[in-house]
Amino acid sequence: MSKKEFTALLIFISILSCRPQNSNKREVLVGGPCEGCEAIYEYGDMRLSSTDTLPEFKTTEPKLKITGTVYQNDGKTPASNVILYVHQTNRKGIYPTKGNEKGWARRHGYIRGWVKTGEDGKYTFYTFRPSSYPDRSEPEHIHLTVKEPDKNEYYVDSFVFDDDPLLTKSNRARLDNRAGSGIISPVFQNGILVAERDIILGLNIPDYE
């Protein structure tokens, strides 16, 4: 081996030794890939609380209140400091925009909201019942994303409505029940539809520890 070749070999070995030992290890994401889940960070300077009122709630019928408790993985202990993000269609079945949206609001529209649970794990969204897409390809639904303090954001089953004729038997069978069933059954109380759904963190979520 020539001196030039020997020098090149030493340089190559030096480069390999400087590489991090975990360079080939990929970070495992809780919940798997999630397009648009990073929208959960787009609340800006909003001070999050356990209750949020979505745009057009006051002017749109039927009004809807969704409430419940977020539990830790044991299904019993309330989970605090958990951010929930929702977005939905309007009564025409579209995600409306005003034209000045940035980030994921360009696709999710402006009918969206955020809450952050307190020590009791409770949350409440005031909104209205959405419509299905104009082509009626999907049941009525409200998308839901979760961010725990020590994990990446991930999606859970959307809120869907038990009395929706588009929520067929086959559609129900395809639900993954991520964080528990997303099927809600609103009832009229004092002029507003009220529905409850508890959320169990990690339930049926891939790679959750």
N, C-alpha and C. Protein backbone atom coordinates (compact mmCIF):
# COMPACT_ATOMS: atom_id res chain seq x y z
N MET A 1 0.85 -1.20 0.00
CA MET A 1 0.00 0.00 0.00
C MET A 1 0.88 1.24 0.00
N SER A 2 0.61 2.15 -0.89
CA SER A 2 1.40 3.37 -0.99
C SER A 2 1.08 4.29 0.17
N LYS A 3 1.96 5.27 0.38
CA LYS A 3 1.75 6.24 1.46
C LYS A 3 0.46 7.04 1.21
N LYS A 4 0.19 7.34 -0.06
CA LYS A 4 -1.02 8.10 -0.41
C LYS A 4 -2.27 7.30 -0.08
N GLU A 5 -2.25 6.00 -0.43
CA GLU A 5 -3.40 5.14 -0.15
C GLU A 5 -3.61 4.96 1.35
N PHE A 6 -2.49 4.82 2.07
CA PHE A 6 -2.56 4.65 3.52
C PHE A 6 -3.16 5.89 4.19
N THR A 7 -2.78 7.06 3.72
CA THR A 7 -3.32 8.31 4.26
C THR A 7 -4.82 8.41 4.01
N ALA A 8 -5.24 8.03 2.80
CA ALA A 8 -6.66 8.07 2.46
C ALA A 8 -7.46 7.12 3.34
N LEU A 9 -6.87 5.94 3.63
CA LEU A 9 -7.54 4.97 4.48
C LEU A 9 -7.72 5.52 5.89
N LEU A 10 -6.70 6.18 6.43
CA LEU A 10 -6.79 6.76 7.76
C LEU A 10 -7.88 7.83 7.83
N ILE A 11 -7.98 8.63 6.78
CA ILE A 11 -9.00 9.67 6.75
C ILE A 11 -10.39 9.05 6.74
N PHE A 12 -10.57 7.99 5.95
CA PHE A 12 -11.86 7.31 5.85
C PHE A 12 -12.28 6.73 7.20
N ILE A 13 -11.32 6.09 7.89
CA ILE A 13 -11.61 5.51 9.22
C ILE A 13 -11.96 6.60 10.21
N SER A 14 -11.26 7.72 10.12
CA SER A 14 -11.52 8.84 11.03
C SER A 14 -12.93 9.38 10.84
N ILE A 15 -13.38 9.48 9.59
CA ILE A 15 -14.74 9.97 9.30
C ILE A 15 -15.79 9.04 9.89
N LEU A 16 -15.56 7.72 9.72
CA LEU A 16 -16.52 6.74 10.24
C LEU A 16 -16.60 6.81 11.76
N SER A 17 -15.47 6.99 12.42
CA SER A 17 -15.46 7.01 13.87
C SER A 17 -16.13 8.24 14.44
N CYS A 18 -16.23 9.31 13.65
CA CYS A 18 -16.85 10.55 14.12
C CYS A 18 -18.36 10.55 13.96
N ARG A 19 -18.92 9.59 13.24
CA ARG A 19 -20.36 9.54 13.03
C ARG A 19 -21.06 9.12 14.31
N PRO A 20 -22.21 9.72 14.61
CA PRO A 20 -22.99 9.27 15.77
C PRO A 20 -23.38 7.82 15.61
N GLN A 21 -23.33 7.05 16.68
CA GLN A 21 -23.66 5.64 16.59
C GLN A 21 -25.12 5.42 16.25
N ASN A 22 -25.99 6.41 16.52
CA ASN A 22 -27.42 6.26 16.23
C ASN A 22 -27.82 6.91 14.92
N SER A 23 -26.85 7.17 14.03
CA SER A 23 -27.16 7.91 12.81
C SER A 23 -28.14 7.18 11.92
N ASN A 24 -28.19 5.85 12.02
CA ASN A 24 -29.11 5.09 11.17
C ASN A 24 -30.43 4.79 11.88
N LYS A 25 -30.56 5.25 13.10
CA LYS A 25 -31.77 4.99 13.85
C LYS A 25 -32.80 6.08 13.60
N ARG A 26 -33.97 5.73 13.12
CA ARG A 26 -35.02 6.69 12.83
C ARG A 26 -35.91 6.88 14.05
N GLU A 27 -36.29 8.11 14.28
CA GLU A 27 -37.18 8.39 15.40
C GLU A 27 -38.54 7.77 15.12
N VAL A 28 -39.06 7.06 16.09
CA VAL A 28 -40.37 6.44 15.95
C VAL A 28 -41.43 7.43 16.42
N LEU A 29 -42.37 7.74 15.55
CA LEU A 29 -43.42 8.68 15.89
C LEU A 29 -44.61 7.96 16.49
N VAL A 30 -45.07 8.45 17.61
CA VAL A 30 -46.30 7.92 18.20
C VAL A 30 -47.45 8.20 17.24
N GLY A 31 -48.23 7.18 16.96
CA GLY A 31 -49.39 7.36 16.10
C GLY A 31 -49.13 7.28 14.62
N GLY A 32 -47.87 7.16 14.22
CA GLY A 32 -47.55 7.07 12.81
C GLY A 32 -47.63 8.41 12.10
N PRO A 33 -47.45 8.39 10.77
CA PRO A 33 -47.50 9.63 9.99
C PRO A 33 -48.83 10.35 10.16
N CYS A 34 -48.79 11.67 10.11
CA CYS A 34 -50.02 12.44 10.32
C CYS A 34 -49.95 13.75 9.54
N GLU A 35 -50.47 13.75 8.36
CA GLU A 35 -50.45 14.96 7.54
C GLU A 35 -51.34 16.04 8.17
N GLY A 36 -50.75 17.18 8.41
CA GLY A 36 -51.51 18.31 8.95
C GLY A 36 -51.60 18.37 10.45
N CYS A 37 -51.05 17.36 11.14
CA CYS A 37 -51.16 17.37 12.60
C CYS A 37 -50.39 18.53 13.22
N GLU A 38 -49.38 19.04 12.51
CA GLU A 38 -48.62 20.17 13.06
C GLU A 38 -49.45 21.44 13.17
N ALA A 39 -50.65 21.43 12.60
CA ALA A 39 -51.56 22.58 12.76
C ALA A 39 -51.93 22.81 14.21
N ILE A 40 -51.70 21.81 15.05
CA ILE A 40 -52.03 21.95 16.47
C ILE A 40 -51.20 23.05 17.12
N TYR A 41 -50.09 23.44 16.49
CA TYR A 41 -49.23 24.50 17.04
C TYR A 41 -49.60 25.89 16.52
N GLU A 42 -50.62 25.99 15.70
CA GLU A 42 -50.93 27.26 15.04
C GLU A 42 -51.90 28.14 15.82
N TYR A 43 -51.94 28.01 17.13
CA TYR A 43 -52.84 28.84 17.92
C TYR A 43 -52.25 30.22 18.21
N GLY A 44 -51.00 30.43 17.79
CA GLY A 44 -50.40 31.75 17.92
C GLY A 44 -50.26 32.20 19.36
N ASP A 45 -50.73 33.43 19.62
CA ASP A 45 -50.62 33.98 20.97
C ASP A 45 -51.87 33.74 21.81
N MET A 46 -52.75 32.87 21.31
CA MET A 46 -53.96 32.54 22.06
C MET A 46 -53.60 31.86 23.38
N ARG A 47 -54.21 32.32 24.45
CA ARG A 47 -54.00 31.67 25.74
C ARG A 47 -55.00 30.54 25.88
N LEU A 48 -54.50 29.32 25.86
CA LEU A 48 -55.39 28.16 25.83
C LEU A 48 -55.97 27.87 27.20
N SER A 49 -57.25 27.49 27.19
CA SER A 49 -57.93 27.04 28.40
C SER A 49 -58.67 25.75 28.06
N SER A 50 -59.44 25.25 28.98
CA SER A 50 -60.14 23.99 28.75
C SER A 50 -61.41 24.15 27.91
N THR A 51 -61.74 25.40 27.55
CA THR A 51 -62.94 25.67 26.76
C THR A 51 -62.62 26.58 25.59
N ASP A 52 -63.17 26.28 24.42
CA ASP A 52 -62.99 27.16 23.27
C ASP A 52 -64.30 27.22 22.49
N THR A 53 -64.56 28.39 21.91
CA THR A 53 -65.73 28.61 21.07
C THR A 53 -65.25 28.84 19.65
N LEU A 54 -65.67 27.98 18.72
CA LEU A 54 -65.22 28.09 17.34
C LEU A 54 -65.95 29.21 16.61
N PRO A 55 -65.31 29.76 15.56
CA PRO A 55 -65.96 30.80 14.76
C PRO A 55 -67.32 30.36 14.23
N GLU A 56 -68.24 31.31 14.16
CA GLU A 56 -69.60 31.14 13.61
C GLU A 56 -70.51 30.32 14.52
N PHE A 57 -70.06 30.04 15.72
CA PHE A 57 -70.93 29.33 16.66
C PHE A 57 -72.22 30.10 16.92
N LYS A 58 -72.10 31.40 17.15
CA LYS A 58 -73.27 32.20 17.52
C LYS A 58 -74.28 32.34 16.40
N THR A 59 -73.82 32.24 15.15
CA THR A 59 -74.70 32.53 14.01
C THR A 59 -75.14 31.29 13.25
N THR A 60 -74.72 30.12 13.68
CA THR A 60 -74.98 28.91 12.90
C THR A 60 -75.75 27.89 13.72
N GLU A 61 -76.72 27.26 13.08
CA GLU A 61 -77.51 26.19 13.69
C GLU A 61 -77.28 24.89 12.93
N PRO A 62 -77.42 23.75 13.60
CA PRO A 62 -77.65 23.60 15.03
C PRO A 62 -76.37 23.75 15.83
N LYS A 63 -76.48 24.49 16.91
CA LYS A 63 -75.33 24.69 17.78
C LYS A 63 -74.99 23.37 18.48
N LEU A 64 -73.71 23.21 18.79
CA LEU A 64 -73.23 21.95 19.33
C LEU A 64 -72.19 22.21 20.41
N LYS A 65 -72.36 21.52 21.52
CA LYS A 65 -71.37 21.54 22.61
C LYS A 65 -70.82 20.13 22.75
N ILE A 66 -69.50 20.01 22.60
CA ILE A 66 -68.84 18.71 22.80
C ILE A 66 -67.96 18.82 24.03
N THR A 67 -68.16 17.91 24.96
CA THR A 67 -67.42 17.98 26.21
C THR A 67 -67.00 16.58 26.63
N GLY A 68 -66.06 16.51 27.54
CA GLY A 68 -65.61 15.21 28.04
C GLY A 68 -64.37 15.35 28.88
N THR A 69 -63.74 14.22 29.15
CA THR A 69 -62.54 14.17 29.97
C THR A 69 -61.44 13.43 29.22
N VAL A 70 -60.24 13.97 29.26
CA VAL A 70 -59.08 13.29 28.70
C VAL A 70 -58.40 12.52 29.84
N TYR A 71 -58.24 11.21 29.62
CA TYR A 71 -57.63 10.36 30.63
C TYR A 71 -56.26 9.87 30.18
N GLN A 72 -55.42 9.59 31.14
CA GLN A 72 -54.16 8.94 30.83
C GLN A 72 -54.43 7.52 30.34
N ASN A 73 -53.37 6.82 29.97
CA ASN A 73 -53.52 5.52 29.33
C ASN A 73 -54.23 4.49 30.19
N ASP A 74 -54.30 4.72 31.50
CA ASP A 74 -55.01 3.76 32.36
C ASP A 74 -56.52 3.90 32.26
N GLY A 75 -56.98 4.95 31.59
CA GLY A 75 -58.41 5.16 31.42
C GLY A 75 -59.11 5.66 32.67
N LYS A 76 -58.35 6.02 33.71
CA LYS A 76 -58.94 6.44 34.97
C LYS A 76 -58.41 7.79 35.47
N THR A 77 -57.12 8.03 35.24
CA THR A 77 -56.48 9.23 35.77
C THR A 77 -56.62 10.40 34.80
N PRO A 78 -57.22 11.51 35.22
CA PRO A 78 -57.34 12.68 34.33
C PRO A 78 -55.97 13.15 33.86
N ALA A 79 -55.89 13.55 32.61
CA ALA A 79 -54.63 14.00 32.02
C ALA A 79 -54.64 15.51 31.87
N SER A 80 -53.65 16.17 32.45
CA SER A 80 -53.57 17.63 32.38
C SER A 80 -52.59 18.08 31.31
N ASN A 81 -52.71 19.34 30.92
CA ASN A 81 -51.80 19.97 29.95
C ASN A 81 -51.78 19.26 28.61
N VAL A 82 -52.90 18.69 28.22
CA VAL A 82 -53.04 18.06 26.91
C VAL A 82 -53.76 19.03 25.99
N ILE A 83 -53.17 19.30 24.83
CA ILE A 83 -53.79 20.19 23.85
C ILE A 83 -54.61 19.37 22.87
N LEU A 84 -55.83 19.83 22.62
CA LEU A 84 -56.69 19.23 21.61
C LEU A 84 -56.95 20.28 20.53
N TYR A 85 -56.85 19.85 19.29
CA TYR A 85 -57.09 20.74 18.14
C TYR A 85 -58.19 20.13 17.28
N VAL A 86 -59.19 20.93 16.91
CA VAL A 86 -60.27 20.45 16.05
C VAL A 86 -60.41 21.38 14.84
N HIS A 87 -60.85 20.80 13.74
CA HIS A 87 -61.27 21.62 12.60
C HIS A 87 -62.37 20.87 11.87
N GLN A 88 -63.24 21.64 11.19
CA GLN A 88 -64.43 21.04 10.62
C GLN A 88 -64.93 21.84 9.43
N THR A 89 -65.88 21.25 8.72
CA THR A 89 -66.55 21.95 7.61
C THR A 89 -67.64 22.87 8.15
N ASN A 90 -68.14 23.72 7.25
CA ASN A 90 -69.31 24.54 7.58
C ASN A 90 -70.57 23.79 7.19
N ARG A 91 -71.68 24.48 7.16
CA ARG A 91 -72.95 23.83 6.85
C ARG A 91 -73.11 23.52 5.36
N LYS A 92 -72.15 23.97 4.55
CA LYS A 92 -72.13 23.62 3.13
C LYS A 92 -71.19 22.44 2.85
N GLY A 93 -70.53 21.98 3.89
CA GLY A 93 -69.65 20.83 3.72
C GLY A 93 -68.27 21.18 3.22
N ILE A 94 -67.86 22.45 3.35
CA ILE A 94 -66.53 22.85 2.91
C ILE A 94 -65.76 23.44 4.09
N TYR A 95 -64.45 23.49 3.95
CA TYR A 95 -63.60 24.12 4.94
C TYR A 95 -63.40 25.58 4.50
N PRO A 96 -64.17 26.50 5.04
CA PRO A 96 -64.17 27.86 4.50
C PRO A 96 -62.90 28.63 4.83
N THR A 97 -62.49 29.47 3.91
CA THR A 97 -61.34 30.34 4.12
C THR A 97 -61.73 31.77 3.78
N LYS A 98 -60.94 32.71 4.28
CA LYS A 98 -61.17 34.12 4.01
C LYS A 98 -60.17 34.68 3.01
N GLY A 99 -59.16 33.89 2.69
CA GLY A 99 -58.19 34.30 1.69
C GLY A 99 -56.86 34.76 2.24
N ASN A 100 -56.79 35.01 3.53
CA ASN A 100 -55.54 35.48 4.13
C ASN A 100 -54.93 34.44 5.06
N GLU A 101 -55.39 33.20 4.94
CA GLU A 101 -54.92 32.15 5.83
C GLU A 101 -53.45 31.80 5.57
N LYS A 102 -52.80 31.35 6.61
CA LYS A 102 -51.42 30.88 6.51
C LYS A 102 -51.35 29.46 7.07
N GLY A 103 -50.27 28.78 6.72
CA GLY A 103 -50.06 27.44 7.25
C GLY A 103 -51.19 26.50 6.86
N TRP A 104 -51.55 25.63 7.80
CA TRP A 104 -52.58 24.63 7.52
C TRP A 104 -53.98 25.21 7.47
N ALA A 105 -54.15 26.44 7.89
CA ALA A 105 -55.47 27.07 7.79
C ALA A 105 -55.92 27.20 6.34
N ARG A 106 -54.97 27.20 5.42
CA ARG A 106 -55.34 27.28 4.00
C ARG A 106 -56.13 26.05 3.57
N ARG A 107 -55.90 24.90 4.27
CA ARG A 107 -56.64 23.68 3.95
C ARG A 107 -57.70 23.36 4.99
N HIS A 108 -57.40 23.64 6.24
CA HIS A 108 -58.34 23.32 7.32
C HIS A 108 -59.43 24.37 7.46
N GLY A 109 -59.23 25.55 6.88
CA GLY A 109 -60.21 26.61 7.03
C GLY A 109 -60.09 27.31 8.37
N TYR A 110 -61.03 28.22 8.62
CA TYR A 110 -60.96 29.00 9.87
C TYR A 110 -61.90 28.49 10.95
N ILE A 111 -62.70 27.48 10.65
CA ILE A 111 -63.56 26.93 11.70
C ILE A 111 -62.77 25.85 12.43
N ARG A 112 -61.99 26.30 13.37
CA ARG A 112 -61.11 25.42 14.12
C ARG A 112 -60.85 26.01 15.50
N GLY A 113 -60.38 25.16 16.41
CA GLY A 113 -60.18 25.64 17.77
C GLY A 113 -59.22 24.75 18.54
N TRP A 114 -58.80 25.29 19.69
CA TRP A 114 -57.82 24.61 20.54
C TRP A 114 -58.26 24.70 22.01
N VAL A 115 -58.01 23.65 22.75
CA VAL A 115 -58.18 23.68 24.20
C VAL A 115 -56.97 23.03 24.85
N LYS A 116 -56.79 23.30 26.13
CA LYS A 116 -55.74 22.67 26.92
C LYS A 116 -56.34 22.25 28.24
N THR A 117 -56.21 20.99 28.56
CA THR A 117 -56.86 20.47 29.75
C THR A 117 -56.18 20.95 31.03
N GLY A 118 -56.98 21.07 32.08
CA GLY A 118 -56.47 21.39 33.41
C GLY A 118 -56.25 20.12 34.20
N GLU A 119 -56.15 20.27 35.51
CA GLU A 119 -55.88 19.12 36.37
C GLU A 119 -56.99 18.07 36.32
N ASP A 120 -58.21 18.50 36.01
CA ASP A 120 -59.34 17.55 35.97
C ASP A 120 -59.47 16.86 34.62
N GLY A 121 -58.65 17.25 33.63
CA GLY A 121 -58.67 16.61 32.33
C GLY A 121 -59.84 16.97 31.45
N LYS A 122 -60.71 17.87 31.90
CA LYS A 122 -61.93 18.17 31.15
C LYS A 122 -61.67 19.15 30.00
N TYR A 123 -62.52 19.02 28.98
CA TYR A 123 -62.45 19.92 27.82
C TYR A 123 -63.85 20.20 27.31
N THR A 124 -64.03 21.33 26.63
CA THR A 124 -65.32 21.67 26.02
C THR A 124 -65.08 22.49 24.76
N PHE A 125 -65.74 22.11 23.68
CA PHE A 125 -65.78 22.89 22.45
C PHE A 125 -67.22 23.33 22.19
N TYR A 126 -67.41 24.62 21.92
CA TYR A 126 -68.69 25.13 21.44
C TYR A 126 -68.57 25.36 19.94
N THR A 127 -69.39 24.69 19.17
CA THR A 127 -69.32 24.81 17.72
C THR A 127 -70.72 24.59 17.14
N PHE A 128 -70.79 24.07 15.96
CA PHE A 128 -72.08 23.71 15.35
C PHE A 128 -71.88 22.41 14.59
N ARG A 129 -72.97 21.76 14.31
CA ARG A 129 -72.86 20.47 13.61
C ARG A 129 -72.44 20.71 12.16
N PRO A 130 -71.36 20.08 11.73
CA PRO A 130 -70.89 20.27 10.35
C PRO A 130 -71.75 19.49 9.37
N SER A 131 -71.56 19.75 8.10
CA SER A 131 -72.21 18.96 7.06
C SER A 131 -71.19 18.04 6.41
N SER A 132 -71.68 17.00 5.76
CA SER A 132 -70.79 16.12 5.02
C SER A 132 -70.28 16.86 3.78
N TYR A 133 -69.26 16.32 3.17
CA TYR A 133 -68.72 16.92 1.96
C TYR A 133 -69.82 17.01 0.89
N PRO A 134 -69.72 17.97 -0.01
CA PRO A 134 -70.77 18.12 -1.03
C PRO A 134 -71.04 16.85 -1.83
N ASP A 135 -70.01 16.02 -2.05
CA ASP A 135 -70.24 14.78 -2.79
C ASP A 135 -70.71 13.65 -1.89
N ARG A 136 -70.88 13.96 -0.59
CA ARG A 136 -71.38 13.01 0.40
C ARG A 136 -70.52 11.73 0.44
N SER A 137 -69.22 11.91 0.27
CA SER A 137 -68.30 10.78 0.27
C SER A 137 -67.90 10.36 1.67
N GLU A 138 -68.15 11.23 2.66
CA GLU A 138 -67.78 10.93 4.03
C GLU A 138 -68.91 11.34 4.97
N PRO A 139 -69.06 10.63 6.08
CA PRO A 139 -70.03 11.09 7.09
C PRO A 139 -69.62 12.44 7.65
N GLU A 140 -70.56 13.13 8.29
CA GLU A 140 -70.23 14.36 8.99
C GLU A 140 -69.16 14.05 10.04
N HIS A 141 -68.19 14.94 10.16
CA HIS A 141 -67.12 14.66 11.11
C HIS A 141 -66.41 15.94 11.53
N ILE A 142 -65.76 15.86 12.68
CA ILE A 142 -64.91 16.94 13.19
C ILE A 142 -63.56 16.32 13.49
N HIS A 143 -62.53 16.78 12.80
CA HIS A 143 -61.19 16.23 12.98
C HIS A 143 -60.63 16.58 14.36
N LEU A 144 -59.84 15.67 14.91
CA LEU A 144 -59.30 15.88 16.25
C LEU A 144 -57.84 15.42 16.32
N THR A 145 -56.98 16.31 16.81
CA THR A 145 -55.56 16.03 16.99
C THR A 145 -55.20 16.24 18.45
N VAL A 146 -54.28 15.42 18.95
CA VAL A 146 -53.88 15.45 20.36
C VAL A 146 -52.39 15.75 20.48
N LYS A 147 -52.03 16.55 21.47
CA LYS A 147 -50.61 16.77 21.80
C LYS A 147 -50.43 16.63 23.30
N GLU A 148 -49.77 15.56 23.70
CA GLU A 148 -49.41 15.37 25.10
C GLU A 148 -48.10 16.10 25.40
N PRO A 149 -47.84 16.43 26.66
CA PRO A 149 -46.63 17.18 26.98
C PRO A 149 -45.33 16.50 26.57
N ASP A 150 -45.28 15.17 26.65
CA ASP A 150 -44.02 14.46 26.42
C ASP A 150 -44.01 13.60 25.16
N LYS A 151 -44.95 13.86 24.23
CA LYS A 151 -45.02 13.07 23.01
C LYS A 151 -45.31 13.97 21.82
N ASN A 152 -45.04 13.44 20.63
CA ASN A 152 -45.39 14.19 19.42
C ASN A 152 -46.90 14.22 19.24
N GLU A 153 -47.36 15.13 18.43
CA GLU A 153 -48.79 15.23 18.14
C GLU A 153 -49.23 14.02 17.29
N TYR A 154 -50.48 13.61 17.47
CA TYR A 154 -51.02 12.51 16.67
C TYR A 154 -52.53 12.67 16.55
N TYR A 155 -53.08 12.07 15.50
CA TYR A 155 -54.53 12.19 15.30
C TYR A 155 -55.25 11.06 16.02
N VAL A 156 -56.47 11.32 16.40
CA VAL A 156 -57.34 10.29 16.96
C VAL A 156 -58.62 10.26 16.14
N ASP A 157 -59.49 9.30 16.42
CA ASP A 157 -60.73 9.21 15.64
C ASP A 157 -61.50 10.52 15.68
N SER A 158 -61.98 10.93 14.52
CA SER A 158 -62.80 12.13 14.44
C SER A 158 -64.10 11.95 15.20
N PHE A 159 -64.68 13.07 15.60
CA PHE A 159 -66.05 13.03 16.11
C PHE A 159 -66.96 12.73 14.93
N VAL A 160 -67.78 11.71 15.05
CA VAL A 160 -68.81 11.41 14.05
C VAL A 160 -70.13 11.22 14.79
N PHE A 161 -71.22 11.25 14.04
CA PHE A 161 -72.54 11.33 14.67
C PHE A 161 -73.33 10.04 14.47
N ASP A 162 -73.79 9.50 15.59
CA ASP A 162 -74.45 8.20 15.59
C ASP A 162 -75.69 8.17 14.69
N ASP A 163 -76.38 9.32 14.55
CA ASP A 163 -77.61 9.35 13.76
C ASP A 163 -77.37 9.77 12.31
N ASP A 164 -76.13 9.88 11.90
CA ASP A 164 -75.81 10.27 10.53
C ASP A 164 -76.06 9.08 9.59
N PRO A 165 -76.94 9.22 8.61
CA PRO A 165 -77.21 8.10 7.71
C PRO A 165 -75.99 7.67 6.90
N LEU A 166 -75.02 8.57 6.75
CA LEU A 166 -73.81 8.21 6.03
C LEU A 166 -72.85 7.38 6.88
N LEU A 167 -73.09 7.33 8.18
CA LEU A 167 -72.27 6.50 9.05
C LEU A 167 -72.84 5.08 9.01
N THR A 168 -72.59 4.43 7.91
CA THR A 168 -73.15 3.11 7.66
C THR A 168 -72.44 2.04 8.47
N LYS A 169 -72.98 0.85 8.40
CA LYS A 169 -72.38 -0.27 9.12
C LYS A 169 -70.95 -0.50 8.66
N SER A 170 -70.70 -0.40 7.36
CA SER A 170 -69.35 -0.61 6.85
C SER A 170 -68.41 0.51 7.29
N ASN A 171 -68.92 1.74 7.33
CA ASN A 171 -68.10 2.85 7.81
C ASN A 171 -67.74 2.68 9.28
N ARG A 172 -68.70 2.23 10.06
CA ARG A 172 -68.44 2.01 11.48
C ARG A 172 -67.36 0.93 11.67
N ALA A 173 -67.40 -0.09 10.84
CA ALA A 173 -66.44 -1.19 10.96
C ALA A 173 -65.02 -0.74 10.64
N ARG A 174 -64.89 0.35 9.87
CA ARG A 174 -63.56 0.83 9.50
C ARG A 174 -62.95 1.77 10.54
N LEU A 175 -63.72 2.16 11.54
CA LEU A 175 -63.20 3.07 12.56
C LEU A 175 -62.13 2.37 13.39
N ASP A 176 -61.06 3.09 13.67
CA ASP A 176 -59.94 2.51 14.40
C ASP A 176 -60.07 2.65 15.91
N ASN A 177 -61.00 3.50 16.36
CA ASN A 177 -61.19 3.75 17.80
C ASN A 177 -59.89 4.24 18.44
N ARG A 178 -59.18 5.11 17.74
CA ARG A 178 -57.97 5.70 18.29
C ARG A 178 -58.35 6.65 19.42
N ALA A 179 -57.85 6.38 20.61
CA ALA A 179 -58.19 7.11 21.84
C ALA A 179 -59.62 6.85 22.27
N GLY A 180 -60.21 5.79 21.76
CA GLY A 180 -61.60 5.46 22.08
C GLY A 180 -62.53 5.84 20.94
N SER A 181 -63.75 5.40 21.04
CA SER A 181 -64.72 5.65 19.99
C SER A 181 -64.99 7.14 19.82
N GLY A 182 -65.06 7.57 18.56
CA GLY A 182 -65.39 8.96 18.26
C GLY A 182 -66.86 9.18 17.98
N ILE A 183 -67.66 8.14 18.07
CA ILE A 183 -69.09 8.26 17.78
C ILE A 183 -69.79 8.97 18.94
N ILE A 184 -70.44 10.08 18.63
CA ILE A 184 -71.17 10.84 19.65
C ILE A 184 -72.65 10.84 19.33
N SER A 185 -73.46 11.00 20.37
CA SER A 185 -74.93 11.01 20.23
C SER A 185 -75.46 12.28 20.89
N PRO A 186 -75.49 13.39 20.15
CA PRO A 186 -75.93 14.66 20.74
C PRO A 186 -77.41 14.62 21.13
N VAL A 187 -77.74 15.29 22.22
CA VAL A 187 -79.12 15.46 22.65
C VAL A 187 -79.37 16.94 22.89
N PHE A 188 -80.60 17.38 22.64
CA PHE A 188 -80.94 18.78 22.82
C PHE A 188 -81.09 19.10 24.30
N GLN A 189 -80.38 20.13 24.73
CA GLN A 189 -80.49 20.62 26.09
C GLN A 189 -80.45 22.14 26.05
N ASN A 190 -81.55 22.77 26.45
CA ASN A 190 -81.61 24.22 26.50
C ASN A 190 -81.25 24.87 25.16
N GLY A 191 -81.76 24.30 24.08
CA GLY A 191 -81.59 24.90 22.77
C GLY A 191 -80.28 24.60 22.08
N ILE A 192 -79.50 23.69 22.61
CA ILE A 192 -78.21 23.36 22.01
C ILE A 192 -77.98 21.86 22.06
N LEU A 193 -77.38 21.33 21.02
CA LEU A 193 -77.02 19.92 21.03
C LEU A 193 -75.83 19.72 21.96
N VAL A 194 -75.89 18.72 22.80
CA VAL A 194 -74.81 18.44 23.75
C VAL A 194 -74.37 16.99 23.56
N ALA A 195 -73.07 16.80 23.42
CA ALA A 195 -72.52 15.46 23.24
C ALA A 195 -71.30 15.29 24.13
N GLU A 196 -71.08 14.07 24.57
CA GLU A 196 -69.93 13.78 25.44
C GLU A 196 -69.05 12.72 24.81
N ARG A 197 -67.75 12.92 24.97
CA ARG A 197 -66.79 11.91 24.54
C ARG A 197 -65.56 12.00 25.43
N ASP A 198 -65.24 10.91 26.08
CA ASP A 198 -64.00 10.83 26.84
C ASP A 198 -62.89 10.32 25.92
N ILE A 199 -61.68 10.76 26.19
CA ILE A 199 -60.52 10.42 25.37
C ILE A 199 -59.50 9.71 26.25
N ILE A 200 -59.06 8.53 25.81
CA ILE A 200 -58.06 7.77 26.55
C ILE A 200 -56.75 7.81 25.75
N LEU A 201 -55.78 8.51 26.29
CA LEU A 201 -54.51 8.70 25.59
C LEU A 201 -53.82 7.36 25.34
N GLY A 202 -53.38 7.19 24.12
CA GLY A 202 -52.62 5.98 23.77
C GLY A 202 -53.45 4.79 23.38
N LEU A 203 -54.75 4.81 23.65
CA LEU A 203 -55.58 3.64 23.34
C LEU A 203 -55.66 3.45 21.83
N ASN A 204 -55.21 2.28 21.38
CA ASN A 204 -55.20 1.92 19.94
C ASN A 204 -54.33 2.87 19.11
N ILE A 205 -53.32 3.46 19.75
CA ILE A 205 -52.39 4.34 19.06
C ILE A 205 -51.09 3.58 18.79
N PRO A 206 -50.65 3.45 17.55
CA PRO A 206 -49.42 2.70 17.25
C PRO A 206 -48.19 3.30 17.93
N ASP A 207 -47.30 2.45 18.37
CA ASP A 207 -46.00 2.83 18.95
C ASP A 207 -46.13 3.67 20.22
N TYR A 208 -47.24 3.52 20.91
CA TYR A 208 -47.45 4.28 22.15
C TYR A 208 -46.85 3.50 23.31
N GLU A 209 -46.08 4.17 24.13
CA GLU A 209 -45.50 3.52 25.30
C GLU A 209 -45.96 4.24 26.57
